[in-house]
């Protein structure tokens, strides 16, 4: 499989360029995540900038947002698509204060904390359309809403995805 970095970087650059000369820089990285056992203890091993992916590999998709301005930035939005050929597996790390995470199941057109989709089921012999919560493996993009970043600060947002 070819490296996934260029496509994602273009997506991120589009976000930054849309803002003009941005006081915010976005740096993307991808790391292979493996569980290794040494002396009976399991731990995670990360290989940064890993590009020779194989089916089943677990990768951390990470964006570091940096406020390079001299003022506090508010209401920052960082979007990252789940790369083609990969399936969203969950967050990579804990929840950060002041950050809300939302997901898209329609290629980034709409986002929600728990996206829903319409399905038709049969109840009592009748077809009924219902909204049901999408499963994480259906997520196609992730968006982080950062309420505030102080001047000179940085914040890391990340998720894990598995190669199909």
C-alpha atoms as a PDB file:
ATOM      1  CA  UNK A   1       0.000   0.000   0.000  1.00  0.00           C
ATOM      2  CA  UNK A   2       1.282   3.500  -0.803  1.00  0.00           C
ATOM      3  CA  UNK A   3       1.935   6.083   1.920  1.00  0.00           C
ATOM      4  CA  UNK A   4      -1.215   7.853   3.077  1.00  0.00           C
ATOM      5  CA  UNK A   5       0.418  11.096   4.190  1.00  0.00           C
ATOM      6  CA  UNK A   6       0.106  13.300   1.053  1.00  0.00           C
ATOM      7  CA  UNK A   7      -3.674  12.998   0.761  1.00  0.00           C
ATOM      8  CA  UNK A   8      -4.232  13.800   4.421  1.00  0.00           C
ATOM      9  CA  UNK A   9      -1.760  16.678   4.378  1.00  0.00           C
ATOM     10  CA  UNK A  10      -3.586  18.231   1.437  1.00  0.00           C
ATOM     11  CA  UNK A  11      -6.826  18.019   3.400  1.00  0.00           C
ATOM     12  CA  UNK A  12      -5.197  19.722   6.363  1.00  0.00           C
ATOM     13  CA  UNK A  13      -3.546  22.366   4.193  1.00  0.00           C
ATOM     14  CA  UNK A  14      -6.927  23.151   2.705  1.00  0.00           C
ATOM     15  CA  UNK A  15      -8.250  23.879   6.179  1.00  0.00           C
ATOM     16  CA  UNK A  16      -5.274  26.103   7.012  1.00  0.00           C
ATOM     17  CA  UNK A  17      -5.269  27.912   3.654  1.00  0.00           C
ATOM     18  CA  UNK A  18      -8.981  28.625   3.888  1.00  0.00           C
ATOM     19  CA  UNK A  19      -8.184  30.725   6.938  1.00  0.00           C
ATOM     20  CA  UNK A  20      -5.642  32.908   5.059  1.00  0.00           C
ATOM     21  CA  UNK A  21      -2.426  33.567   6.924  1.00  0.00           C
ATOM     22  CA  UNK A  22      -3.242  31.381   9.834  1.00  0.00           C
ATOM     23  CA  UNK A  23      -2.139  31.894  13.426  1.00  0.00           C
ATOM     24  CA  UNK A  24      -2.566  28.125  13.678  1.00  0.00           C
ATOM     25  CA  UNK A  25      -0.210  25.496  12.268  1.00  0.00           C
ATOM     26  CA  UNK A  26      -1.260  21.885  11.793  1.00  0.00           C
ATOM     27  CA  UNK A  27       1.297  19.077  11.688  1.00  0.00           C
ATOM     28  CA  UNK A  28       0.152  15.607  10.653  1.00  0.00           C
ATOM     29  CA  UNK A  29       1.904  12.361  11.516  1.00  0.00           C
ATOM     30  CA  UNK A  30       1.140   8.674  11.271  1.00  0.00           C
ATOM     31  CA  UNK A  31       2.630   5.967  13.488  1.00  0.00           C
ATOM     32  CA  UNK A  32       2.370   2.201  13.448  1.00  0.00           C
ATOM     33  CA  UNK A  33       1.066   0.962  16.818  1.00  0.00           C
ATOM     34  CA  UNK A  34       2.020  -2.546  17.935  1.00  0.00           C
ATOM     35  CA  UNK A  35       1.709  -4.363  21.216  1.00  0.00           C
ATOM     36  CA  UNK A  36       4.963  -6.026  22.243  1.00  0.00           C
ATOM     37  CA  UNK A  37       5.700  -8.294  25.193  1.00  0.00           C
ATOM     38  CA  UNK A  38       9.033  -8.047  26.975  1.00  0.00           C
ATOM     39  CA  UNK A  39       9.716 -10.089  30.105  1.00  0.00           C
ATOM     40  CA  UNK A  40       6.019 -10.937  30.366  1.00  0.00           C
ATOM     41  CA  UNK A  41       4.910  -7.277  30.280  1.00  0.00           C
ATOM     42  CA  UNK A  42       2.886  -5.914  27.378  1.00  0.00           C
ATOM     43  CA  UNK A  43       3.432  -2.395  26.149  1.00  0.00           C
ATOM     44  CA  UNK A  44       2.790  -0.357  23.047  1.00  0.00           C
ATOM     45  CA  UNK A  45       5.549   0.275  20.572  1.00  0.00           C
ATOM     46  CA  UNK A  46       5.182   3.076  18.022  1.00  0.00           C
ATOM     47  CA  UNK A  47       7.029   3.434  14.764  1.00  0.00           C
ATOM     48  CA  UNK A  48       6.680   7.044  13.558  1.00  0.00           C
ATOM     49  CA  UNK A  49       6.139   7.958   9.889  1.00  0.00           C
ATOM     50  CA  UNK A  50       5.453   4.336   9.010  1.00  0.00           C
ATOM     51  CA  UNK A  51       4.525   3.952   5.318  1.00  0.00           C
ATOM     52  CA  UNK A  52       4.792   0.227   4.495  1.00  0.00           C
ATOM     53  CA  UNK A  53       1.380  -0.694   5.836  1.00  0.00           C
ATOM     54  CA  UNK A  54      -0.210  -4.120   5.552  1.00  0.00           C
ATOM     55  CA  UNK A  55      -3.763  -5.326   6.137  1.00  0.00           C
ATOM     56  CA  UNK A  56      -4.440  -5.491   9.862  1.00  0.00           C
ATOM     57  CA  UNK A  57      -1.853  -2.841  10.811  1.00  0.00           C
ATOM     58  CA  UNK A  58      -3.060  -0.359  13.441  1.00  0.00           C
ATOM     59  CA  UNK A  59      -2.021   3.249  12.823  1.00  0.00           C
ATOM     60  CA  UNK A  60      -2.322   6.360  14.950  1.00  0.00           C
ATOM     61  CA  UNK A  61      -3.378   9.385  12.884  1.00  0.00           C
ATOM     62  CA  UNK A  62      -2.249  12.492  14.753  1.00  0.00           C
ATOM     63  CA  UNK A  63      -2.511  16.246  14.248  1.00  0.00           C
ATOM     64  CA  UNK A  64      -0.625  18.683  16.448  1.00  0.00           C
ATOM     65  CA  UNK A  65      -2.252  22.115  16.379  1.00  0.00           C
ATOM     66  CA  UNK A  66       0.007  25.011  17.410  1.00  0.00           C
ATOM     67  CA  UNK A  67      -1.085  28.543  18.166  1.00  0.00           C
ATOM     68  CA  UNK A  68       1.837  30.504  16.668  1.00  0.00           C
ATOM     69  CA  UNK A  69       0.213  33.862  17.380  1.00  0.00           C
ATOM     70  CA  UNK A  70       0.546  36.150  20.360  1.00  0.00           C
ATOM     71  CA  UNK A  71      -3.142  35.945  21.248  1.00  0.00           C
ATOM     72  CA  UNK A  72      -5.604  33.340  22.468  1.00  0.00           C
ATOM     73  CA  UNK A  73      -7.476  31.571  19.682  1.00  0.00           C
ATOM     74  CA  UNK A  74     -11.072  30.486  20.205  1.00  0.00           C
ATOM     75  CA  UNK A  75     -13.395  27.993  18.509  1.00  0.00           C
ATOM     76  CA  UNK A  76     -10.770  26.117  16.515  1.00  0.00           C
ATOM     77  CA  UNK A  77     -11.893  23.306  14.223  1.00  0.00           C
ATOM     78  CA  UNK A  78      -9.508  20.531  13.146  1.00  0.00           C
ATOM     79  CA  UNK A  79     -10.792  17.918  10.672  1.00  0.00           C
ATOM     80  CA  UNK A  80      -9.096  14.708   9.627  1.00  0.00           C
ATOM     81  CA  UNK A  81     -10.546  12.126   7.246  1.00  0.00           C
ATOM     82  CA  UNK A  82     -10.233   8.439   7.999  1.00  0.00           C
ATOM     83  CA  UNK A  83      -7.788   7.462   5.230  1.00  0.00           C
ATOM     84  CA  UNK A  84      -9.114   5.446   2.310  1.00  0.00           C
ATOM     85  CA  UNK A  85      -8.529   1.746   2.873  1.00  0.00           C
ATOM     86  CA  UNK A  86      -8.685   2.122   6.655  1.00  0.00           C
ATOM     87  CA  UNK A  87     -11.350   1.660   9.331  1.00  0.00           C
ATOM     88  CA  UNK A  88     -11.720   3.966  12.347  1.00  0.00           C
ATOM     89  CA  UNK A  89     -10.892   2.092  15.569  1.00  0.00           C
ATOM     90  CA  UNK A  90     -11.256   4.727  18.287  1.00  0.00           C
ATOM     91  CA  UNK A  91      -9.474   7.613  19.934  1.00  0.00           C
ATOM     92  CA  UNK A  92      -5.733   7.497  20.496  1.00  0.00           C
ATOM     93  CA  UNK A  93      -5.385   8.768  24.026  1.00  0.00           C
ATOM     94  CA  UNK A  94      -7.674  10.333  26.573  1.00  0.00           C
ATOM     95  CA  UNK A  95     -10.169  13.136  26.277  1.00  0.00           C
ATOM     96  CA  UNK A  96      -8.694  16.594  26.615  1.00  0.00           C
ATOM     97  CA  UNK A  97     -10.354  19.426  28.489  1.00  0.00           C
ATOM     98  CA  UNK A  98     -11.911  21.979  26.173  1.00  0.00           C
ATOM     99  CA  UNK A  99     -12.041  19.620  23.171  1.00  0.00           C
ATOM    100  CA  UNK A 100     -15.226  18.125  21.741  1.00  0.00           C
ATOM    101  CA  UNK A 101     -14.880  15.276  19.245  1.00  0.00           C
ATOM    102  CA  UNK A 102     -17.423  14.692  16.500  1.00  0.00           C
ATOM    103  CA  UNK A 103     -17.653  12.136  13.702  1.00  0.00           C
ATOM    104  CA  UNK A 104     -18.930  12.063  10.145  1.00  0.00           C
ATOM    105  CA  UNK A 105     -20.449   9.127   8.277  1.00  0.00           C
ATOM    106  CA  UNK A 106     -21.044  11.088   5.050  1.00  0.00           C
ATOM    107  CA  UNK A 107     -17.513  12.001   4.027  1.00  0.00           C
ATOM    108  CA  UNK A 108     -17.286  15.125   6.175  1.00  0.00           C
ATOM    109  CA  UNK A 109     -20.492  16.886   5.114  1.00  0.00           C
ATOM    110  CA  UNK A 110     -22.069  16.651   8.581  1.00  0.00           C
ATOM    111  CA  UNK A 111     -20.702  15.839  12.025  1.00  0.00           C
ATOM    112  CA  UNK A 112     -22.172  14.733  15.354  1.00  0.00           C
ATOM    113  CA  UNK A 113     -20.899  13.354  18.662  1.00  0.00           C
ATOM    114  CA  UNK A 114     -22.970  10.232  17.922  1.00  0.00           C
ATOM    115  CA  UNK A 115     -23.907  10.266  14.230  1.00  0.00           C
ATOM    116  CA  UNK A 116     -27.119   8.549  13.240  1.00  0.00           C
ATOM    117  CA  UNK A 117     -28.354   6.998  10.031  1.00  0.00           C
ATOM    118  CA  UNK A 118     -31.795   6.061   8.796  1.00  0.00           C
ATOM    119  CA  UNK A 119     -32.665   2.376   8.499  1.00  0.00           C
ATOM    120  CA  UNK A 120     -35.902   0.700   7.520  1.00  0.00           C
ATOM    121  CA  UNK A 121     -37.074  -2.175   9.688  1.00  0.00           C
ATOM    122  CA  UNK A 122     -40.233  -4.221   9.866  1.00  0.00           C
ATOM    123  CA  UNK A 123     -42.247  -3.856  13.068  1.00  0.00           C
ATOM    124  CA  UNK A 124     -45.616  -5.561  13.480  1.00  0.00           C
ATOM    125  CA  UNK A 125     -45.677  -6.283   9.745  1.00  0.00           C
ATOM    126  CA  UNK A 126     -45.102  -2.644   8.738  1.00  0.00           C
ATOM    127  CA  UNK A 127     -41.990  -0.947   7.362  1.00  0.00           C
ATOM    128  CA  UNK A 128     -40.748   1.712   9.752  1.00  0.00           C
ATOM    129  CA  UNK A 129     -37.853   4.114   9.176  1.00  0.00           C
ATOM    130  CA  UNK A 130     -35.780   4.813  12.280  1.00  0.00           C
ATOM    131  CA  UNK A 131     -32.673   6.752  13.183  1.00  0.00           C
ATOM    132  CA  UNK A 132     -30.012   4.458  14.623  1.00  0.00           C
ATOM    133  CA  UNK A 133     -26.589   5.306  15.916  1.00  0.00           C
ATOM    134  CA  UNK A 134     -23.792   4.582  13.445  1.00  0.00           C
ATOM    135  CA  UNK A 135     -21.068   2.180  14.510  1.00  0.00           C
ATOM    136  CA  UNK A 136     -17.531   3.581  14.863  1.00  0.00           C
ATOM    137  CA  UNK A 137     -16.326   1.435  11.943  1.00  0.00           C
ATOM    138  CA  UNK A 138     -18.649   3.544   9.738  1.00  0.00           C
ATOM    139  CA  UNK A 139     -16.928   6.836  10.624  1.00  0.00           C
ATOM    140  CA  UNK A 140     -15.322   8.500   7.609  1.00  0.00           C
ATOM    141  CA  UNK A 141     -13.929  11.640   9.238  1.00  0.00           C
ATOM    142  CA  UNK A 142     -13.223  13.071  12.684  1.00  0.00           C
ATOM    143  CA  UNK A 143     -13.557  16.698  13.770  1.00  0.00           C
ATOM    144  CA  UNK A 144     -12.236  18.228  16.956  1.00  0.00           C
ATOM    145  CA  UNK A 145     -13.721  21.466  18.260  1.00  0.00           C
ATOM    146  CA  UNK A 146     -11.180  23.183  20.471  1.00  0.00           C
ATOM    147  CA  UNK A 147     -12.761  25.892  22.590  1.00  0.00           C
ATOM    148  CA  UNK A 148      -9.555  27.834  23.272  1.00  0.00           C
ATOM    149  CA  UNK A 149      -5.797  27.762  22.762  1.00  0.00           C
ATOM    150  CA  UNK A 150      -3.522  30.178  24.595  1.00  0.00           C
ATOM    151  CA  UNK A 151      -0.786  32.005  22.671  1.00  0.00           C
ATOM    152  CA  UNK A 152       2.191  29.741  21.987  1.00  0.00           C
ATOM    153  CA  UNK A 153       0.396  26.575  23.110  1.00  0.00           C
ATOM    154  CA  UNK A 154      -0.142  23.325  21.257  1.00  0.00           C
ATOM    155  CA  UNK A 155      -2.673  20.525  21.383  1.00  0.00           C
ATOM    156  CA  UNK A 156      -2.519  16.982  20.018  1.00  0.00           C
ATOM    157  CA  UNK A 157      -5.623  15.270  18.639  1.00  0.00           C
ATOM    158  CA  UNK A 158      -5.511  11.725  17.372  1.00  0.00           C
ATOM    159  CA  UNK A 159      -7.385   8.587  16.447  1.00  0.00           C
ATOM    160  CA  UNK A 160      -6.518   5.010  15.539  1.00  0.00           C
ATOM    161  CA  UNK A 161      -7.404   3.334  12.278  1.00  0.00           C
ATOM    162  CA  UNK A 162      -6.784  -0.185  11.010  1.00  0.00           C
ATOM    163  CA  UNK A 163      -5.712  -1.032   7.475  1.00  0.00           C
ATOM    164  CA  UNK A 164      -8.366  -3.095   5.671  1.00  0.00           C
END
